[in-house]
C-alpha atoms as a PDB file:
ATOM      1  CA  MET A   1      40.822  63.246  68.999  1.00  0.00           C
ATOM      2  CA  SER A   2      41.322  66.536  67.201  1.00  0.00           C
ATOM      3  CA  LYS A   3      43.401  68.353  69.821  1.00  0.00           C
ATOM      4  CA  ARG A   4      46.975  69.378  69.089  1.00  0.00           C
ATOM      5  CA  VAL A   5      49.527  69.815  71.863  1.00  0.00           C
ATOM      6  CA  LEU A   6      52.579  72.084  71.738  1.00  0.00           C
ATOM      7  CA  LEU A   7      55.164  71.341  74.412  1.00  0.00           C
ATOM      8  CA  SER A   8      58.661  72.147  75.560  1.00  0.00           C
ATOM      9  CA  GLY A   9      60.892  69.572  77.246  1.00  0.00           C
ATOM     10  CA  ALA A  10      60.174  66.674  74.881  1.00  0.00           C
ATOM     11  CA  THR A  11      63.814  65.544  74.825  1.00  0.00           C
ATOM     12  CA  GLY A  12      63.658  65.166  78.610  1.00  0.00           C
ATOM     13  CA  LEU A  13      62.180  62.556  80.920  1.00  0.00           C
ATOM     14  CA  ILE A  14      58.460  63.330  81.121  1.00  0.00           C
ATOM     15  CA  GLY A  15      57.971  65.311  77.898  1.00  0.00           C
ATOM     16  CA  GLY A  16      59.218  62.547  75.616  1.00  0.00           C
ATOM     17  CA  GLU A  17      56.989  59.921  77.211  1.00  0.00           C
ATOM     18  CA  LEU A  18      54.039  62.297  77.074  1.00  0.00           C
ATOM     19  CA  MET A  19      54.409  62.717  73.315  1.00  0.00           C
ATOM     20  CA  LEU A  20      54.306  58.943  72.874  1.00  0.00           C
ATOM     21  CA  VAL A  21      51.282  58.549  75.137  1.00  0.00           C
ATOM     22  CA  LEU A  22      49.487  61.261  73.169  1.00  0.00           C
ATOM     23  CA  ALA A  23      50.414  59.604  69.867  1.00  0.00           C
ATOM     24  CA  GLY A  24      48.970  56.344  71.170  1.00  0.00           C
ATOM     25  CA  ARG A  25      45.691  58.193  71.703  1.00  0.00           C
ATOM     26  CA  GLY A  26      45.698  59.667  68.210  1.00  0.00           C
ATOM     27  CA  VAL A  27      46.754  63.148  69.385  1.00  0.00           C
ATOM     28  CA  TYR A  28      49.253  65.126  67.322  1.00  0.00           C
ATOM     29  CA  SER A  29      51.940  66.986  69.227  1.00  0.00           C
ATOM     30  CA  THR A  30      54.727  69.402  68.355  1.00  0.00           C
ATOM     31  CA  ALA A  31      57.900  69.737  70.398  1.00  0.00           C
ATOM     32  CA  VAL A  32      59.959  72.889  70.873  1.00  0.00           C
ATOM     33  CA  VAL A  33      63.532  71.606  70.596  1.00  0.00           C
ATOM     34  CA  ARG A  34      66.754  73.550  71.006  1.00  0.00           C
ATOM     35  CA  ALA A  35      68.383  73.135  67.604  1.00  0.00           C
ATOM     36  CA  ALA A  36      69.851  75.061  64.672  1.00  0.00           C
ATOM     37  CA  ASP A  37      66.959  74.231  62.357  1.00  0.00           C
ATOM     38  CA  ALA A  38      63.832  72.105  61.986  1.00  0.00           C
ATOM     39  CA  GLY A  39      65.744  69.112  60.625  1.00  0.00           C
ATOM     40  CA  GLN A  40      68.086  68.982  63.587  1.00  0.00           C
ATOM     41  CA  ALA A  41      65.158  69.537  65.941  1.00  0.00           C
ATOM     42  CA  ARG A  42      63.331  66.499  64.549  1.00  0.00           C
ATOM     43  CA  GLN A  43      66.486  64.399  64.697  1.00  0.00           C
ATOM     44  CA  ARG A  44      67.000  65.232  68.374  1.00  0.00           C
ATOM     45  CA  LEU A  45      63.358  64.513  69.136  1.00  0.00           C
ATOM     46  CA  LEU A  46      63.336  61.135  67.399  1.00  0.00           C
ATOM     47  CA  GLU A  47      66.596  60.122  69.085  1.00  0.00           C
ATOM     48  CA  ARG A  48      64.897  60.681  72.450  1.00  0.00           C
ATOM     49  CA  LEU A  49      61.638  58.960  71.506  1.00  0.00           C
ATOM     50  CA  HIS A  50      63.412  55.880  70.152  1.00  0.00           C
ATOM     51  CA  LYS A  51      64.898  55.271  73.615  1.00  0.00           C
ATOM     52  CA  SER A  52      61.450  54.586  75.050  1.00  0.00           C
ATOM     53  CA  SER A  53      59.735  51.210  75.224  1.00  0.00           C
ATOM     54  CA  LEU A  54      56.548  53.071  74.229  1.00  0.00           C
ATOM     55  CA  TRP A  55      57.931  53.932  70.777  1.00  0.00           C
ATOM     56  CA  LYS A  56      56.159  52.564  67.694  1.00  0.00           C
ATOM     57  CA  ALA A  57      57.148  53.292  64.100  1.00  0.00           C
ATOM     58  CA  GLU A  58      53.690  54.635  63.262  1.00  0.00           C
ATOM     59  CA  PHE A  59      54.126  57.377  65.875  1.00  0.00           C
ATOM     60  CA  ALA A  60      56.601  59.157  63.588  1.00  0.00           C
ATOM     61  CA  ASP A  61      53.684  60.718  61.717  1.00  0.00           C
ATOM     62  CA  MET A  62      52.051  61.887  64.965  1.00  0.00           C
ATOM     63  CA  VAL A  63      54.968  63.934  66.281  1.00  0.00           C
ATOM     64  CA  SER A  64      56.743  66.977  64.900  1.00  0.00           C
ATOM     65  CA  ALA A  65      59.454  69.363  66.042  1.00  0.00           C
ATOM     66  CA  GLU A  66      60.153  73.071  65.772  1.00  0.00           C
ATOM     67  CA  ALA A  67      63.576  74.589  66.395  1.00  0.00           C
ATOM     68  CA  GLY A  68      63.368  77.007  69.296  1.00  0.00           C
ATOM     69  CA  ASP A  69      64.726  78.049  72.677  1.00  0.00           C
ATOM     70  CA  VAL A  70      62.599  78.437  75.807  1.00  0.00           C
ATOM     71  CA  THR A  71      64.705  81.379  76.977  1.00  0.00           C
ATOM     72  CA  GLU A  72      63.853  83.381  73.838  1.00  0.00           C
ATOM     73  CA  PRO A  73      60.651  85.396  73.181  1.00  0.00           C
ATOM     74  CA  ASP A  74      57.771  83.079  72.216  1.00  0.00           C
ATOM     75  CA  PHE A  75      60.241  80.218  72.749  1.00  0.00           C
ATOM     76  CA  GLY A  76      61.767  81.211  69.386  1.00  0.00           C
ATOM     77  CA  LEU A  77      58.595  80.151  67.570  1.00  0.00           C
ATOM     78  CA  GLY A  78      56.421  81.926  65.057  1.00  0.00           C
ATOM     79  CA  ALA A  79      53.033  83.116  66.291  1.00  0.00           C
ATOM     80  CA  ALA A  80      51.295  80.703  63.909  1.00  0.00           C
ATOM     81  CA  VAL A  81      52.872  77.687  65.645  1.00  0.00           C
ATOM     82  CA  ILE A  82      51.612  78.785  69.053  1.00  0.00           C
ATOM     83  CA  GLN A  83      48.159  79.680  67.760  1.00  0.00           C
ATOM     84  CA  SER A  84      47.803  76.287  66.036  1.00  0.00           C
ATOM     85  CA  ALA A  85      47.861  74.421  69.357  1.00  0.00           C
ATOM     86  CA  ASP A  86      44.876  73.674  71.565  1.00  0.00           C
ATOM     87  CA  VAL A  87      47.137  73.016  74.533  1.00  0.00           C
ATOM     88  CA  VAL A  88      50.520  74.609  75.299  1.00  0.00           C
ATOM     89  CA  LEU A  89      52.592  72.877  77.982  1.00  0.00           C
ATOM     90  CA  HIS A  90      55.890  74.192  79.344  1.00  0.00           C
ATOM     91  CA  SER A  91      57.852  71.237  80.691  1.00  0.00           C
ATOM     92  CA  ALA A  92      61.448  72.141  79.771  1.00  0.00           C
ATOM     93  CA  ALA A  93      63.806  72.850  82.661  1.00  0.00           C
ATOM     94  CA  ASN A  94      67.371  72.438  83.763  1.00  0.00           C
ATOM     95  CA  THR A  95      66.921  69.838  86.514  1.00  0.00           C
ATOM     96  CA  SER A  96      70.475  69.579  87.851  1.00  0.00           C
ATOM     97  CA  PHE A  97      70.900  69.396  91.634  1.00  0.00           C
ATOM     98  CA  LYS A  98      74.540  70.399  91.233  1.00  0.00           C
ATOM     99  CA  PRO A  99      75.456  73.791  92.802  1.00  0.00           C
ATOM    100  CA  GLY A 100      76.654  76.353  90.301  1.00  0.00           C
ATOM    101  CA  ALA A 101      74.965  74.685  87.329  1.00  0.00           C
ATOM    102  CA  GLY A 102      73.118  77.882  86.381  1.00  0.00           C
ATOM    103  CA  VAL A 103      69.732  76.256  86.902  1.00  0.00           C
ATOM    104  CA  TYR A 104      67.946  79.162  88.561  1.00  0.00           C
ATOM    105  CA  PRO A 105      68.440  81.931  85.963  1.00  0.00           C
ATOM    106  CA  ILE A 106      67.704  79.584  83.040  1.00  0.00           C
ATOM    107  CA  ASN A 107      64.460  78.270  84.509  1.00  0.00           C
ATOM    108  CA  LEU A 108      63.268  81.710  85.628  1.00  0.00           C
ATOM    109  CA  LYS A 109      63.957  83.242  82.233  1.00  0.00           C
ATOM    110  CA  ALA A 110      62.032  80.447  80.517  1.00  0.00           C
ATOM    111  CA  ALA A 111      59.103  81.008  82.880  1.00  0.00           C
ATOM    112  CA  GLY A 112      59.109  84.677  81.954  1.00  0.00           C
ATOM    113  CA  GLN A 113      58.842  83.801  78.265  1.00  0.00           C
ATOM    114  CA  PHE A 114      56.045  81.345  79.024  1.00  0.00           C
ATOM    115  CA  ALA A 115      54.147  84.090  80.881  1.00  0.00           C
ATOM    116  CA  THR A 116      54.164  86.135  77.671  1.00  0.00           C
ATOM    117  CA  ILE A 117      52.910  83.156  75.670  1.00  0.00           C
ATOM    118  CA  LEU A 118      50.082  82.640  78.162  1.00  0.00           C
ATOM    119  CA  LYS A 119      48.968  86.227  77.607  1.00  0.00           C
ATOM    120  CA  SER A 120      48.739  85.620  73.856  1.00  0.00           C
ATOM    121  CA  LEU A 121      46.535  82.508  74.085  1.00  0.00           C
ATOM    122  CA  ARG A 122      42.934  82.637  72.938  1.00  0.00           C
ATOM    123  CA  PRO A 123      40.177  81.675  75.428  1.00  0.00           C
ATOM    124  CA  SER A 124      39.866  78.284  73.694  1.00  0.00           C
ATOM    125  CA  GLN A 125      43.559  77.520  74.275  1.00  0.00           C
ATOM    126  CA  ARG A 126      44.891  76.263  77.594  1.00  0.00           C
ATOM    127  CA  GLY A 127      48.332  76.590  79.165  1.00  0.00           C
ATOM    128  CA  PHE A 128      50.020  74.089  81.500  1.00  0.00           C
ATOM    129  CA  PHE A 129      53.196  74.474  83.555  1.00  0.00           C
ATOM    130  CA  VAL A 130      55.167  71.493  84.843  1.00  0.00           C
ATOM    131  CA  GLY A 131      56.511  72.235  88.295  1.00  0.00           C
ATOM    132  CA  THR A 132      57.506  69.808  91.020  1.00  0.00           C
ATOM    133  CA  ALA A 133      55.691  68.648  94.132  1.00  0.00           C
ATOM    134  CA  ALA A 134      58.929  69.266  96.068  1.00  0.00           C
ATOM    135  CA  VAL A 135      58.201  73.014  96.129  1.00  0.00           C
ATOM    136  CA  THR A 136      56.528  72.148  99.438  1.00  0.00           C
ATOM    137  CA  THR A 137      58.353  69.636 101.639  1.00  0.00           C
ATOM    138  CA  GLU A 138      57.328  71.027 105.038  1.00  0.00           C
ATOM    139  CA  PRO A 139      55.462  70.432 107.226  1.00  0.00           C
ATOM    140  CA  ARG A 140      56.059  66.706 107.151  1.00  0.00           C
ATOM    141  CA  GLY A 141      53.175  64.376 106.414  1.00  0.00           C
ATOM    142  CA  VAL A 142      50.473  64.628 103.771  1.00  0.00           C
ATOM    143  CA  ILE A 143      50.783  67.829 101.748  1.00  0.00           C
ATOM    144  CA  THR A 144      48.006  69.301  99.622  1.00  0.00           C
ATOM    145  CA  GLU A 145      48.314  71.619  96.641  1.00  0.00           C
ATOM    146  CA  ASP A 146      47.063  74.677  98.526  1.00  0.00           C
ATOM    147  CA  GLN A 147      49.757  74.626 101.212  1.00  0.00           C
ATOM    148  CA  PRO A 148      52.347  77.420 101.022  1.00  0.00           C
ATOM    149  CA  PHE A 149      55.795  76.797  99.588  1.00  0.00           C
ATOM    150  CA  ALA A 150      58.185  75.648 102.330  1.00  0.00           C
ATOM    151  CA  GLY A 151      61.073  73.360 103.183  1.00  0.00           C
ATOM    152  CA  TYR A 152      64.361  72.471 101.575  1.00  0.00           C
ATOM    153  CA  ALA A 153      65.228  74.093  98.253  1.00  0.00           C
ATOM    154  CA  ASN A 154      68.254  73.615  96.045  1.00  0.00           C
ATOM    155  CA  ASP A 155      68.589  75.866  92.979  1.00  0.00           C
ATOM    156  CA  TYR A 156      66.249  73.648  90.956  1.00  0.00           C
ATOM    157  CA  ILE A 157      63.471  73.602  93.557  1.00  0.00           C
ATOM    158  CA  ALA A 158      63.911  77.328  94.205  1.00  0.00           C
ATOM    159  CA  SER A 159      63.570  78.016  90.487  1.00  0.00           C
ATOM    160  CA  LYS A 160      60.321  76.048  90.333  1.00  0.00           C
ATOM    161  CA  ARG A 161      58.915  77.862  93.348  1.00  0.00           C
ATOM    162  CA  ASP A 162      59.726  81.276  91.964  1.00  0.00           C
ATOM    163  CA  ALA A 163      58.679  80.370  88.424  1.00  0.00           C
ATOM    164  CA  GLU A 164      55.219  79.300  89.550  1.00  0.00           C
ATOM    165  CA  THR A 165      54.928  82.365  91.789  1.00  0.00           C
ATOM    166  CA  SER A 166      55.851  84.711  88.941  1.00  0.00           C
ATOM    167  CA  LEU A 167      53.443  83.003  86.542  1.00  0.00           C
ATOM    168  CA  ARG A 168      50.558  83.399  88.994  1.00  0.00           C
ATOM    169  CA  ALA A 169      51.477  87.047  89.525  1.00  0.00           C
ATOM    170  CA  ALA A 170      51.412  87.653  85.763  1.00  0.00           C
ATOM    171  CA  GLY A 171      47.675  87.051  85.846  1.00  0.00           C
ATOM    172  CA  SER A 172      47.037  84.768  82.868  1.00  0.00           C
ATOM    173  CA  PRO A 173      45.300  81.484  83.712  1.00  0.00           C
ATOM    174  CA  PHE A 174      47.222  78.200  83.553  1.00  0.00           C
ATOM    175  CA  ILE A 175      47.213  74.786  85.229  1.00  0.00           C
ATOM    176  CA  SER A 176      50.217  73.666  87.238  1.00  0.00           C
ATOM    177  CA  LEU A 177      51.130  69.969  87.194  1.00  0.00           C
ATOM    178  CA  ARG A 178      53.467  68.986  90.017  1.00  0.00           C
ATOM    179  CA  PRO A 179      54.957  65.488  89.788  1.00  0.00           C
ATOM    180  CA  GLY A 180      56.691  63.842  92.736  1.00  0.00           C
ATOM    181  CA  ILE A 181      59.843  61.765  92.286  1.00  0.00           C
ATOM    182  CA  VAL A 182      59.788  60.333  88.756  1.00  0.00           C
ATOM    183  CA  LEU A 183      61.572  57.083  87.883  1.00  0.00           C
ATOM    184  CA  ALA A 184      62.637  56.415  84.295  1.00  0.00           C
ATOM    185  CA  ARG A 185      60.948  53.052  83.733  1.00  0.00           C
ATOM    186  CA  GLY A 186      61.138  51.924  80.105  1.00  0.00           C
ATOM    187  CA  ILE A 187      63.754  54.439  78.928  1.00  0.00           C
ATOM    188  CA  ASP A 188      67.159  53.234  77.775  1.00  0.00           C
ATOM    189  CA  ASP A 189      69.225  56.250  78.748  1.00  0.00           C
ATOM    190  CA  ALA A 190      71.526  56.537  81.775  1.00  0.00           C
ATOM    191  CA  LYS A 191      71.269  60.324  81.945  1.00  0.00           C
ATOM    192  CA  LEU A 192      67.461  60.307  82.026  1.00  0.00           C
ATOM    193  CA  SER A 193      67.555  57.511  84.588  1.00  0.00           C
ATOM    194  CA  ARG A 194      69.739  59.609  86.883  1.00  0.00           C
ATOM    195  CA  ASN A 195      67.501  60.184  89.869  1.00  0.00           C
ATOM    196  CA  MET A 196      66.995  58.952  93.408  1.00  0.00           C
ATOM    197  CA  LEU A 197      66.687  55.332  92.335  1.00  0.00           C
ATOM    198  CA  TRP A 198      70.493  55.267  92.226  1.00  0.00           C
ATOM    199  CA  SER A 199      70.514  55.940  95.970  1.00  0.00           C
ATOM    200  CA  ILE A 200      69.114  52.493  96.853  1.00  0.00           C
ATOM    201  CA  PRO A 201      72.173  50.323  96.035  1.00  0.00           C
ATOM    202  CA  VAL A 202      74.459  53.036  97.413  1.00  0.00           C
ATOM    203  CA  MET A 203      72.620  53.074 100.748  1.00  0.00           C
ATOM    204  CA  ALA A 204      72.523  49.277 100.832  1.00  0.00           C
ATOM    205  CA  GLU A 205      76.294  49.204 100.407  1.00  0.00           C
ATOM    206  CA  LEU A 206      76.865  51.816 103.133  1.00  0.00           C
ATOM    207  CA  GLY A 207      74.645  50.042 105.673  1.00  0.00           C
ATOM    208  CA  ASP A 208      73.988  52.818 108.208  1.00  0.00           C
ATOM    209  CA  VAL A 209      71.954  55.659 106.699  1.00  0.00           C
ATOM    210  CA  PRO A 210      69.956  58.674 107.986  1.00  0.00           C
ATOM    211  CA  LEU A 211      66.511  57.309 107.136  1.00  0.00           C
ATOM    212  CA  ASP A 212      63.421  56.772 109.237  1.00  0.00           C
ATOM    213  CA  PRO A 213      62.021  53.288 108.482  1.00  0.00           C
ATOM    214  CA  LEU A 214      58.452  54.548 108.927  1.00  0.00           C
ATOM    215  CA  ALA A 215      58.921  57.621 106.733  1.00  0.00           C
ATOM    216  CA  ARG A 216      57.228  57.489 103.345  1.00  0.00           C
ATOM    217  CA  LEU A 217      58.657  58.293  99.929  1.00  0.00           C
ATOM    218  CA  ASP A 218      56.415  59.504  97.083  1.00  0.00           C
ATOM    219  CA  PHE A 219      57.687  58.171  93.743  1.00  0.00           C
ATOM    220  CA  ALA A 220      56.202  56.775  90.539  1.00  0.00           C
ATOM    221  CA  PRO A 221      57.351  55.572  87.083  1.00  0.00           C
ATOM    222  CA  VAL A 222      57.421  58.047  84.231  1.00  0.00           C
ATOM    223  CA  ASP A 223      54.913  56.164  82.069  1.00  0.00           C
ATOM    224  CA  PHE A 224      52.314  56.541  84.833  1.00  0.00           C
ATOM    225  CA  ILE A 225      53.142  60.250  85.118  1.00  0.00           C
ATOM    226  CA  ALA A 226      52.869  60.747  81.341  1.00  0.00           C
ATOM    227  CA  ASN A 227      49.519  58.930  81.191  1.00  0.00           C
ATOM    228  CA  ALA A 228      48.153  61.070  84.013  1.00  0.00           C
ATOM    229  CA  PHE A 229      49.392  64.211  82.267  1.00  0.00           C
ATOM    230  CA  ALA A 230      47.645  63.162  79.060  1.00  0.00           C
ATOM    231  CA  GLU A 231      44.383  62.529  80.909  1.00  0.00           C
ATOM    232  CA  VAL A 232      44.463  66.022  82.408  1.00  0.00           C
ATOM    233  CA  LEU A 233      45.579  67.781  79.206  1.00  0.00           C
ATOM    234  CA  LEU A 234      42.772  66.227  77.187  1.00  0.00           C
ATOM    235  CA  LYS A 235      40.033  66.773  79.752  1.00  0.00           C
ATOM    236  CA  SER A 236      37.651  69.532  78.726  1.00  0.00           C
ATOM    237  CA  ASP A 237      36.971  70.957  82.185  1.00  0.00           C
ATOM    238  CA  LEU A 238      39.190  70.974  85.250  1.00  0.00           C
ATOM    239  CA  LYS A 239      38.083  71.928  88.740  1.00  0.00           C
ATOM    240  CA  HIS A 240      41.451  73.239  89.932  1.00  0.00           C
ATOM    241  CA  ASP A 241      44.499  75.084  88.619  1.00  0.00           C
ATOM    242  CA  CYS A 242      47.092  72.906  90.391  1.00  0.00           C
ATOM    243  CA  TYR A 243      47.485  69.125  90.694  1.00  0.00           C
ATOM    244  CA  HIS A 244      49.960  66.799  92.360  1.00  0.00           C
ATOM    245  CA  VAL A 245      50.748  64.021  89.893  1.00  0.00           C
ATOM    246  CA  SER A 246      52.020  61.523  92.408  1.00  0.00           C
ATOM    247  CA  THR A 247      51.499  58.236  94.205  1.00  0.00           C
ATOM    248  CA  GLY A 248      50.002  60.240  97.045  1.00  0.00           C
ATOM    249  CA  GLU A 249      48.453  58.516 100.027  1.00  0.00           C
ATOM    250  CA  ASP A 250      49.480  55.088  98.656  1.00  0.00           C
ATOM    251  CA  SER A 251      53.195  55.907  99.065  1.00  0.00           C
ATOM    252  CA  MET A 252      55.319  53.250 100.796  1.00  0.00           C
ATOM    253  CA  THR A 253      57.441  53.490 103.935  1.00  0.00           C
ATOM    254  CA  PHE A 254      61.165  52.849 103.618  1.00  0.00           C
ATOM    255  CA  LYS A 255      60.732  49.697 105.719  1.00  0.00           C
ATOM    256  CA  ALA A 256      58.089  48.320 103.349  1.00  0.00           C
ATOM    257  CA  LEU A 257      60.209  49.302 100.351  1.00  0.00           C
ATOM    258  CA  ALA A 258      63.231  47.432 101.733  1.00  0.00           C
ATOM    259  CA  GLU A 259      61.106  44.360 102.430  1.00  0.00           C
ATOM    260  CA  THR A 260      59.790  44.476  98.863  1.00  0.00           C
ATOM    261  CA  LEU A 261      63.333  44.402  97.486  1.00  0.00           C
ATOM    262  CA  THR A 262      64.870  41.816  99.839  1.00  0.00           C
ATOM    263  CA  ALA A 263      64.311  38.790  97.581  1.00  0.00           C
ATOM    264  CA  SER A 264      65.827  40.348  94.472  1.00  0.00           C
ATOM    265  CA  MET A 265      68.428  42.521  96.200  1.00  0.00           C
ATOM    266  CA  PRO A 266      69.875  40.572  99.165  1.00  0.00           C
ATOM    267  CA  GLY A 267      72.365  43.361  99.907  1.00  0.00           C
ATOM    268  CA  ILE A 268      69.572  45.574 101.148  1.00  0.00           C
ATOM    269  CA  GLY A 269      69.478  43.367 104.240  1.00  0.00           C
ATOM    270  CA  LYS A 270      72.565  45.277 105.445  1.00  0.00           C
ATOM    271  CA  LEU A 271      70.637  48.542 105.427  1.00  0.00           C
ATOM    272  CA  VAL A 272      70.208  49.980 108.924  1.00  0.00           C
ATOM    273  CA  MET A 273      67.926  53.040 109.074  1.00  0.00           C
ATOM    274  CA  ARG A 274      69.196  55.242 111.904  1.00  0.00           C
ATOM    275  CA  GLY A 275      66.653  58.070 111.672  1.00  0.00           C
ATOM    276  CA  ARG A 276      66.745  61.363 109.790  1.00  0.00           C
ATOM    277  CA  ASP A 277      68.994  63.062 112.391  1.00  0.00           C
ATOM    278  CA  TYR A 278      71.736  60.453 112.170  1.00  0.00           C
ATOM    279  CA  VAL A 279      75.102  61.935 111.196  1.00  0.00           C
ATOM    280  CA  PRO A 280      77.303  59.330 109.498  1.00  0.00           C
ATOM    281  CA  THR A 281      80.994  59.097 110.336  1.00  0.00           C
ATOM    282  CA  PRO A 282      82.624  57.312 107.388  1.00  0.00           C
ATOM    283  CA  LYS A 283      85.700  55.283 108.304  1.00  0.00           C
ATOM    284  CA  PHE A 284      87.077  54.784 104.819  1.00  0.00           C
ATOM    285  CA  ALA A 285      87.568  56.982 101.762  1.00  0.00           C
ATOM    286  CA  ARG A 286      85.126  54.863  99.727  1.00  0.00           C
ATOM    287  CA  GLN A 287      82.407  55.405 102.321  1.00  0.00           C
ATOM    288  CA  ARG A 288      83.121  59.135 102.408  1.00  0.00           C
ATOM    289  CA  TRP A 289      82.781  59.354  98.622  1.00  0.00           C
ATOM    290  CA  MET A 290      79.511  57.449  98.694  1.00  0.00           C
ATOM    291  CA  TYR A 291      78.024  59.660 101.414  1.00  0.00           C
ATOM    292  CA  GLN A 292      79.094  62.700  99.413  1.00  0.00           C
ATOM    293  CA  ALA A 293      77.308  61.257  96.391  1.00  0.00           C
ATOM    294  CA  LEU A 294      74.147  60.821  98.474  1.00  0.00           C
ATOM    295  CA  GLU A 295      74.232  64.309  99.957  1.00  0.00           C
ATOM    296  CA  PRO A 296      72.226  66.185  97.255  1.00  0.00           C
ATOM    297  CA  TYR A 297      69.433  63.629  97.580  1.00  0.00           C
ATOM    298  CA  LEU A 298      69.179  63.295 101.364  1.00  0.00           C
ATOM    299  CA  PRO A 299      66.873  66.291 101.951  1.00  0.00           C
ATOM    300  CA  PHE A 300      64.297  64.588  99.722  1.00  0.00           C
ATOM    301  CA  LEU A 301      64.866  61.098 101.102  1.00  0.00           C
ATOM    302  CA  THR A 302      64.505  62.311 104.684  1.00  0.00           C
ATOM    303  CA  ALA A 303      61.604  64.713 104.102  1.00  0.00           C
ATOM    304  CA  ASP A 304      58.878  62.152 104.982  1.00  0.00           C
ATOM    305  CA  VAL A 305      56.224  63.835 102.886  1.00  0.00           C
ATOM    306  CA  VAL A 306      53.392  62.509 100.762  1.00  0.00           C
ATOM    307  CA  PHE A 307      51.922  64.698  98.047  1.00  0.00           C
ATOM    308  CA  SER A 308      48.190  64.145  98.202  1.00  0.00           C
ATOM    309  CA  ASN A 309      46.681  63.176  94.843  1.00  0.00           C
ATOM    310  CA  VAL A 310      43.038  63.416  95.935  1.00  0.00           C
ATOM    311  CA  ARG A 311      42.440  66.205  93.412  1.00  0.00           C
ATOM    312  CA  LEU A 312      43.939  64.150  90.607  1.00  0.00           C
ATOM    313  CA  ARG A 313      41.823  61.107  91.485  1.00  0.00           C
ATOM    314  CA  GLY A 314      38.756  63.307  91.444  1.00  0.00           C
ATOM    315  CA  GLU A 315      39.577  64.373  87.877  1.00  0.00           C
ATOM    316  CA  ILE A 316      40.842  61.181  86.220  1.00  0.00           C
ATOM    317  CA  GLY A 317      39.744  58.347  88.505  1.00  0.00           C
ATOM    318  CA  ALA A 318      41.666  55.073  88.283  1.00  0.00           C
ATOM    319  CA  ALA A 319      44.269  56.623  85.943  1.00  0.00           C
ATOM    320  CA  ALA A 320      45.581  58.454  89.033  1.00  0.00           C
ATOM    321  CA  ILE A 321      46.446  55.205  90.842  1.00  0.00           C
ATOM    322  CA  ALA A 322      50.187  54.529  90.497  1.00  0.00           C
ATOM    323  CA  PRO A 323      51.445  50.976  89.924  1.00  0.00           C
ATOM    324  CA  ALA A 324      52.834  49.062  92.904  1.00  0.00           C
ATOM    325  CA  PRO A 325      56.642  49.401  93.211  1.00  0.00           C
ATOM    326  CA  SER A 326      56.903  45.614  93.405  1.00  0.00           C
ATOM    327  CA  SER A 327      55.812  45.483  89.754  1.00  0.00           C
ATOM    328  CA  TYR A 328      58.796  47.404  88.418  1.00  0.00           C
ATOM    329  CA  LEU A 329      61.528  48.314  90.946  1.00  0.00           C
ATOM    330  CA  ARG A 330      63.308  44.947  90.844  1.00  0.00           C
ATOM    331  CA  ASP A 331      63.769  45.099  87.086  1.00  0.00           C
ATOM    332  CA  MET A 332      64.914  48.711  87.187  1.00  0.00           C
ATOM    333  CA  LEU A 333      67.492  48.064  89.910  1.00  0.00           C
ATOM    334  CA  ALA A 334      68.778  45.007  88.065  1.00  0.00           C
ATOM    335  CA  SER A 335      69.646  47.177  85.065  1.00  0.00           C
ATOM    336  CA  PHE A 336      72.680  48.850  86.674  1.00  0.00           C
ATOM    337  CA  SER A 337      75.570  48.027  89.001  1.00  0.00           C
ATOM    338  CA  LEU A 338      76.757  49.668  92.214  1.00  0.00           C
ATOM    339  CA  SER A 339      79.580  51.381  90.332  1.00  0.00           C
ATOM    340  CA  ASP A 340      77.007  52.724  87.849  1.00  0.00           C
ATOM    341  CA  ALA A 341      74.989  54.067  90.772  1.00  0.00           C
ATOM    342  CA  VAL A 342      77.930  55.875  92.376  1.00  0.00           C
ATOM    343  CA  ARG A 343      79.017  57.356  89.059  1.00  0.00           C
ATOM    344  CA  GLN A 344      75.526  58.619  88.270  1.00  0.00           C
ATOM    345  CA  MET A 345      74.955  60.058  91.712  1.00  0.00           C
ATOM    346  CA  TYR A 346      78.229  61.963  91.493  1.00  0.00           C
ATOM    347  CA  THR A 347      76.830  63.818  88.473  1.00  0.00           C
ATOM    348  CA  PRO A 348      73.359  64.935  89.615  1.00  0.00           C
END
């Protein structure tokens, strides 16, 4: 495979795994890394890649790093670096759910710089933007890529909505990849693992929670997401300019998810799903703290949406079929304690 991929966000969750998947396919990739110089950029990149179970020593020759900053013109890169790539993917983002974290202006500024890069690409080069399927969480049910943006939006989701809108308005062609909830399977890093998976032991401990047992939750492990990304990036022709990279119509209900975990996580038997409109009344300080920790995640847990991946299946076939949660959730949940979960959820 002769293609070369240039990407931002390689020290994050999806970008790092994508570089390793590409290396496994013989594809060279270059990461834009925020650093003082090229040496520090490579050090930061390799530190991230070594945390993955996908890492192999021979991949060191397949990956490279350039010092840059996605909020600067051309991401702080020389024109030759951008022009050397067949594919340019913008995946970097501040993903904090925490109010006041400055997410929105950072992500919008980076999108503006990416719009300029897209304008400079030759016809043979292709640009990809990594958004999030959560830009549309209403109406409830199965959501397709062509539905208008709607539903709950924290600063992160709002930044992704407006970034994609501004990129479309700029006029240069690109493909948007919108993952659902991504779980950090195979990555030894608590910060990267900080996502809605932490909510499961917290909810099991609380007992009564505002969930609908028949509502579905669309999540998948990061290695599946990275493999699907690679399939799309390396495909010569694509029928659409936007794809949900998700579990899609195969997503599980909360009831089925709880039943899957019962054998390995007996505490989940205490979980009582009271419906999305249930308003908890904590009796003790510990319960109040735990509900507060859950609060940033509840709009996503109670959304009851599935992000259709019919388009993705049409492009990459079986590679778009996510693994069954029973094949990995038990091991992931066994890797941290309840106190770990509360601590991580307090720092979203």
